[in-house]
């Protein structure tokens, strides 16, 4: 698939390409960007997250605690590489409202990324994958409401999370 060039809206300056111009929908119903796969193929189980968001950094700590096999690596979108990968995935690196997971040559975003992450956990957390039966547009709408209000509801830091020595090897950038 060829990704159409960005069209910028006159007043907002945001990308106004139709979603179909950017995303493909694979058989399993997960969102991924076909043209982006060549860039991300070397990144396995990499989570791009907002490093100043309290909810996001708490989520990263939660993932680290429950990812007993240390499957996931993390990269703040505020880092140079994070901005580059986030932008290559078709997201505005200055407006990071979306969790992104690069895994198995796929780029998953929003609720699909969150459910794929939870699926890797052991025990009761794995049961949350049952939410895949909820249609993706509905899940992503709920995700969007939380993402848009996360600073107001949960707060933010002035600087990105600095990992402790024991987990530093799991962070890129």
C-alpha atoms as a PDB file:
ATOM      1  CA  UNK A   1       0.000   0.000   0.000  1.00  0.00           C
ATOM      2  CA  UNK A   2       1.207   3.487  -0.800  1.00  0.00           C
ATOM      3  CA  UNK A   3       0.605   6.141   1.800  1.00  0.00           C
ATOM      4  CA  UNK A   4      -0.812   9.345   0.345  1.00  0.00           C
ATOM      5  CA  UNK A   5       1.084  12.568   1.042  1.00  0.00           C
ATOM      6  CA  UNK A   6      -0.064  14.539   4.042  1.00  0.00           C
ATOM      7  CA  UNK A   7      -2.796  17.125   3.445  1.00  0.00           C
ATOM      8  CA  UNK A   8      -2.896  19.783   6.105  1.00  0.00           C
ATOM      9  CA  UNK A   9      -6.140  21.447   7.199  1.00  0.00           C
ATOM     10  CA  UNK A  10      -6.038  25.250   6.683  1.00  0.00           C
ATOM     11  CA  UNK A  11      -7.133  26.369  10.142  1.00  0.00           C
ATOM     12  CA  UNK A  12      -6.060  23.544  12.462  1.00  0.00           C
ATOM     13  CA  UNK A  13      -2.847  22.493  10.701  1.00  0.00           C
ATOM     14  CA  UNK A  14      -3.755  18.837  11.365  1.00  0.00           C
ATOM     15  CA  UNK A  15      -3.469  15.983   8.893  1.00  0.00           C
ATOM     16  CA  UNK A  16      -6.769  15.683   7.056  1.00  0.00           C
ATOM     17  CA  UNK A  17      -6.173  12.536   5.005  1.00  0.00           C
ATOM     18  CA  UNK A  18      -8.972  10.019   5.298  1.00  0.00           C
ATOM     19  CA  UNK A  19      -8.112   7.187   7.678  1.00  0.00           C
ATOM     20  CA  UNK A  20      -8.208   4.752   4.766  1.00  0.00           C
ATOM     21  CA  UNK A  21      -5.277   6.631   3.199  1.00  0.00           C
ATOM     22  CA  UNK A  22      -3.067   5.838   6.168  1.00  0.00           C
ATOM     23  CA  UNK A  23      -4.226   2.555   7.721  1.00  0.00           C
ATOM     24  CA  UNK A  24      -4.785  -0.967   6.444  1.00  0.00           C
ATOM     25  CA  UNK A  25      -7.055  -3.370   8.301  1.00  0.00           C
ATOM     26  CA  UNK A  26      -5.631  -6.903   8.494  1.00  0.00           C
ATOM     27  CA  UNK A  27      -7.752 -10.007   8.894  1.00  0.00           C
ATOM     28  CA  UNK A  28      -7.459 -10.047  12.691  1.00  0.00           C
ATOM     29  CA  UNK A  29      -8.974  -6.577  12.915  1.00  0.00           C
ATOM     30  CA  UNK A  30      -5.853  -4.865  14.243  1.00  0.00           C
ATOM     31  CA  UNK A  31      -4.773  -1.519  12.896  1.00  0.00           C
ATOM     32  CA  UNK A  32      -1.367  -1.323  11.284  1.00  0.00           C
ATOM     33  CA  UNK A  33       0.398   0.863   8.768  1.00  0.00           C
ATOM     34  CA  UNK A  34       1.660  -1.196   5.833  1.00  0.00           C
ATOM     35  CA  UNK A  35       4.286   1.254   4.603  1.00  0.00           C
ATOM     36  CA  UNK A  36       5.641   1.657   8.131  1.00  0.00           C
ATOM     37  CA  UNK A  37       6.456  -2.039   8.596  1.00  0.00           C
ATOM     38  CA  UNK A  38       9.857  -1.746   6.897  1.00  0.00           C
ATOM     39  CA  UNK A  39      10.885   0.890   9.443  1.00  0.00           C
ATOM     40  CA  UNK A  40       9.559  -1.021  12.449  1.00  0.00           C
ATOM     41  CA  UNK A  41      10.561  -4.571  11.564  1.00  0.00           C
ATOM     42  CA  UNK A  42      13.715  -4.281  13.675  1.00  0.00           C
ATOM     43  CA  UNK A  43      11.668  -3.232  16.720  1.00  0.00           C
ATOM     44  CA  UNK A  44      10.002  -6.128  18.488  1.00  0.00           C
ATOM     45  CA  UNK A  45       7.525  -5.454  21.319  1.00  0.00           C
ATOM     46  CA  UNK A  46       8.383  -1.750  21.543  1.00  0.00           C
ATOM     47  CA  UNK A  47       5.855   0.492  23.296  1.00  0.00           C
ATOM     48  CA  UNK A  48       5.814   4.197  22.387  1.00  0.00           C
ATOM     49  CA  UNK A  49       4.319   6.240  25.233  1.00  0.00           C
ATOM     50  CA  UNK A  50       3.904   9.832  26.445  1.00  0.00           C
ATOM     51  CA  UNK A  51       6.766  10.221  28.917  1.00  0.00           C
ATOM     52  CA  UNK A  52       5.324  13.223  30.804  1.00  0.00           C
ATOM     53  CA  UNK A  53       1.796  11.850  31.306  1.00  0.00           C
ATOM     54  CA  UNK A  54       1.155  10.468  34.812  1.00  0.00           C
ATOM     55  CA  UNK A  55      -1.340   7.893  33.494  1.00  0.00           C
ATOM     56  CA  UNK A  56       1.068   6.758  30.778  1.00  0.00           C
ATOM     57  CA  UNK A  57       4.092   6.414  33.065  1.00  0.00           C
ATOM     58  CA  UNK A  58       1.946   4.592  35.626  1.00  0.00           C
ATOM     59  CA  UNK A  59       0.859   2.257  32.831  1.00  0.00           C
ATOM     60  CA  UNK A  60       4.508   1.626  31.906  1.00  0.00           C
ATOM     61  CA  UNK A  61       5.290   0.780  35.547  1.00  0.00           C
ATOM     62  CA  UNK A  62       2.248  -1.540  35.589  1.00  0.00           C
ATOM     63  CA  UNK A  63       3.466  -3.275  32.409  1.00  0.00           C
ATOM     64  CA  UNK A  64       6.974  -3.687  33.840  1.00  0.00           C
ATOM     65  CA  UNK A  65       5.549  -5.206  37.042  1.00  0.00           C
ATOM     66  CA  UNK A  66       3.359  -7.712  35.167  1.00  0.00           C
ATOM     67  CA  UNK A  67       5.674  -8.487  32.237  1.00  0.00           C
ATOM     68  CA  UNK A  68       7.596 -11.211  34.050  1.00  0.00           C
ATOM     69  CA  UNK A  69       9.385 -12.361  30.886  1.00  0.00           C
ATOM     70  CA  UNK A  70      10.583  -8.788  30.139  1.00  0.00           C
ATOM     71  CA  UNK A  71       9.050  -9.022  26.656  1.00  0.00           C
ATOM     72  CA  UNK A  72       8.357  -5.298  26.224  1.00  0.00           C
ATOM     73  CA  UNK A  73      10.750  -2.415  25.656  1.00  0.00           C
ATOM     74  CA  UNK A  74       9.748   1.229  26.059  1.00  0.00           C
ATOM     75  CA  UNK A  75      10.424   4.473  24.240  1.00  0.00           C
ATOM     76  CA  UNK A  76       9.139   7.904  25.185  1.00  0.00           C
ATOM     77  CA  UNK A  77       7.555   9.758  22.289  1.00  0.00           C
ATOM     78  CA  UNK A  78       9.387  12.876  23.487  1.00  0.00           C
ATOM     79  CA  UNK A  79      12.767  11.315  22.591  1.00  0.00           C
ATOM     80  CA  UNK A  80      14.273  11.907  19.157  1.00  0.00           C
ATOM     81  CA  UNK A  81      13.793   8.286  18.051  1.00  0.00           C
ATOM     82  CA  UNK A  82      10.317   8.211  19.629  1.00  0.00           C
ATOM     83  CA  UNK A  83       9.232  11.296  17.660  1.00  0.00           C
ATOM     84  CA  UNK A  84      10.668   9.811  14.468  1.00  0.00           C
ATOM     85  CA  UNK A  85       8.859   6.469  14.862  1.00  0.00           C
ATOM     86  CA  UNK A  86       5.620   8.104  16.029  1.00  0.00           C
ATOM     87  CA  UNK A  87       5.663  10.447  13.040  1.00  0.00           C
ATOM     88  CA  UNK A  88       6.500   7.613  10.632  1.00  0.00           C
ATOM     89  CA  UNK A  89       3.430   5.804  11.956  1.00  0.00           C
ATOM     90  CA  UNK A  90       1.292   8.715  10.780  1.00  0.00           C
ATOM     91  CA  UNK A  91       0.797  10.422  14.144  1.00  0.00           C
ATOM     92  CA  UNK A  92       1.583  14.039  14.980  1.00  0.00           C
ATOM     93  CA  UNK A  93       4.668  13.933  17.253  1.00  0.00           C
ATOM     94  CA  UNK A  94       3.533  17.189  18.885  1.00  0.00           C
ATOM     95  CA  UNK A  95       0.119  15.752  19.812  1.00  0.00           C
ATOM     96  CA  UNK A  96       0.749  12.367  21.417  1.00  0.00           C
ATOM     97  CA  UNK A  97      -2.667  10.997  22.326  1.00  0.00           C
ATOM     98  CA  UNK A  98      -2.016   7.472  21.142  1.00  0.00           C
ATOM     99  CA  UNK A  99      -0.244   4.474  22.630  1.00  0.00           C
ATOM    100  CA  UNK A 100       1.657   2.612  19.892  1.00  0.00           C
ATOM    101  CA  UNK A 101       3.001  -0.954  20.013  1.00  0.00           C
ATOM    102  CA  UNK A 102       5.475  -2.178  17.413  1.00  0.00           C
ATOM    103  CA  UNK A 103       5.414  -5.972  17.390  1.00  0.00           C
ATOM    104  CA  UNK A 104       5.884  -8.777  14.899  1.00  0.00           C
ATOM    105  CA  UNK A 105       6.199  -6.368  11.965  1.00  0.00           C
ATOM    106  CA  UNK A 106       2.865  -4.777  12.909  1.00  0.00           C
ATOM    107  CA  UNK A 107       2.070  -1.353  14.300  1.00  0.00           C
ATOM    108  CA  UNK A 108      -0.830  -1.461  16.736  1.00  0.00           C
ATOM    109  CA  UNK A 109      -2.426   1.657  18.151  1.00  0.00           C
ATOM    110  CA  UNK A 110      -4.934   2.743  20.775  1.00  0.00           C
ATOM    111  CA  UNK A 111      -7.078  -0.037  22.262  1.00  0.00           C
ATOM    112  CA  UNK A 112      -5.608  -2.687  19.937  1.00  0.00           C
ATOM    113  CA  UNK A 113      -2.161  -1.938  21.377  1.00  0.00           C
ATOM    114  CA  UNK A 114      -3.432  -2.020  24.965  1.00  0.00           C
ATOM    115  CA  UNK A 115      -5.227  -5.350  24.460  1.00  0.00           C
ATOM    116  CA  UNK A 116      -2.196  -6.911  22.759  1.00  0.00           C
ATOM    117  CA  UNK A 117      -0.021  -5.859  25.709  1.00  0.00           C
ATOM    118  CA  UNK A 118      -2.443  -7.318  28.279  1.00  0.00           C
ATOM    119  CA  UNK A 119      -2.626 -10.551  26.272  1.00  0.00           C
ATOM    120  CA  UNK A 120       1.060 -11.136  27.081  1.00  0.00           C
ATOM    121  CA  UNK A 121       0.504 -11.031  30.850  1.00  0.00           C
ATOM    122  CA  UNK A 122      -0.038 -14.077  33.016  1.00  0.00           C
ATOM    123  CA  UNK A 123      -2.954 -14.743  35.304  1.00  0.00           C
ATOM    124  CA  UNK A 124      -6.167 -12.788  35.598  1.00  0.00           C
ATOM    125  CA  UNK A 125      -4.918  -9.841  33.478  1.00  0.00           C
ATOM    126  CA  UNK A 126      -5.034 -12.009  30.371  1.00  0.00           C
ATOM    127  CA  UNK A 127      -8.832 -12.095  30.700  1.00  0.00           C
ATOM    128  CA  UNK A 128      -9.004  -8.441  29.617  1.00  0.00           C
ATOM    129  CA  UNK A 129      -8.260  -9.616  26.072  1.00  0.00           C
ATOM    130  CA  UNK A 130     -11.943 -10.611  25.948  1.00  0.00           C
ATOM    131  CA  UNK A 131     -12.638  -6.922  25.169  1.00  0.00           C
ATOM    132  CA  UNK A 132     -11.513  -7.689  21.598  1.00  0.00           C
ATOM    133  CA  UNK A 133     -15.125  -8.711  20.984  1.00  0.00           C
ATOM    134  CA  UNK A 134     -16.133  -5.060  21.501  1.00  0.00           C
ATOM    135  CA  UNK A 135     -15.995  -3.329  18.101  1.00  0.00           C
ATOM    136  CA  UNK A 136     -12.761  -1.421  17.592  1.00  0.00           C
ATOM    137  CA  UNK A 137     -14.458   1.949  16.881  1.00  0.00           C
ATOM    138  CA  UNK A 138     -16.251   1.782  20.234  1.00  0.00           C
ATOM    139  CA  UNK A 139     -13.097   0.752  22.119  1.00  0.00           C
ATOM    140  CA  UNK A 140     -11.118   3.513  20.393  1.00  0.00           C
ATOM    141  CA  UNK A 141     -13.798   6.093  21.202  1.00  0.00           C
ATOM    142  CA  UNK A 142     -13.479   5.267  24.920  1.00  0.00           C
ATOM    143  CA  UNK A 143      -9.683   5.283  24.552  1.00  0.00           C
ATOM    144  CA  UNK A 144      -9.895   8.715  22.884  1.00  0.00           C
ATOM    145  CA  UNK A 145     -12.003  10.214  25.684  1.00  0.00           C
ATOM    146  CA  UNK A 146      -9.444   9.063  28.261  1.00  0.00           C
ATOM    147  CA  UNK A 147      -6.486  10.165  26.102  1.00  0.00           C
ATOM    148  CA  UNK A 148      -7.900  13.666  25.571  1.00  0.00           C
ATOM    149  CA  UNK A 149      -8.514  14.155  29.307  1.00  0.00           C
ATOM    150  CA  UNK A 150      -5.533  12.316  30.777  1.00  0.00           C
ATOM    151  CA  UNK A 151      -3.563  15.434  31.794  1.00  0.00           C
ATOM    152  CA  UNK A 152      -6.613  16.980  33.467  1.00  0.00           C
ATOM    153  CA  UNK A 153      -7.623  13.759  35.259  1.00  0.00           C
ATOM    154  CA  UNK A 154      -4.214  12.302  36.130  1.00  0.00           C
ATOM    155  CA  UNK A 155      -1.757  15.204  35.792  1.00  0.00           C
ATOM    156  CA  UNK A 156       1.608  15.438  34.096  1.00  0.00           C
ATOM    157  CA  UNK A 157       5.320  15.791  34.876  1.00  0.00           C
ATOM    158  CA  UNK A 158       7.570  18.586  33.638  1.00  0.00           C
ATOM    159  CA  UNK A 159      10.131  16.019  32.438  1.00  0.00           C
ATOM    160  CA  UNK A 160      10.036  12.474  31.127  1.00  0.00           C
ATOM    161  CA  UNK A 161      10.151   9.486  33.443  1.00  0.00           C
ATOM    162  CA  UNK A 162      13.720   8.470  34.315  1.00  0.00           C
ATOM    163  CA  UNK A 163      13.921   4.691  34.739  1.00  0.00           C
ATOM    164  CA  UNK A 164      15.702   3.201  37.706  1.00  0.00           C
ATOM    165  CA  UNK A 165      18.929   1.271  37.191  1.00  0.00           C
ATOM    166  CA  UNK A 166      17.241  -2.165  37.411  1.00  0.00           C
ATOM    167  CA  UNK A 167      14.857  -1.454  34.497  1.00  0.00           C
ATOM    168  CA  UNK A 168      16.975   0.951  32.420  1.00  0.00           C
ATOM    169  CA  UNK A 169      17.912  -1.762  29.866  1.00  0.00           C
ATOM    170  CA  UNK A 170      14.211  -1.978  28.892  1.00  0.00           C
ATOM    171  CA  UNK A 171      14.149   1.658  27.704  1.00  0.00           C
ATOM    172  CA  UNK A 172      15.420   2.952  24.373  1.00  0.00           C
ATOM    173  CA  UNK A 173      16.371   6.529  23.589  1.00  0.00           C
END
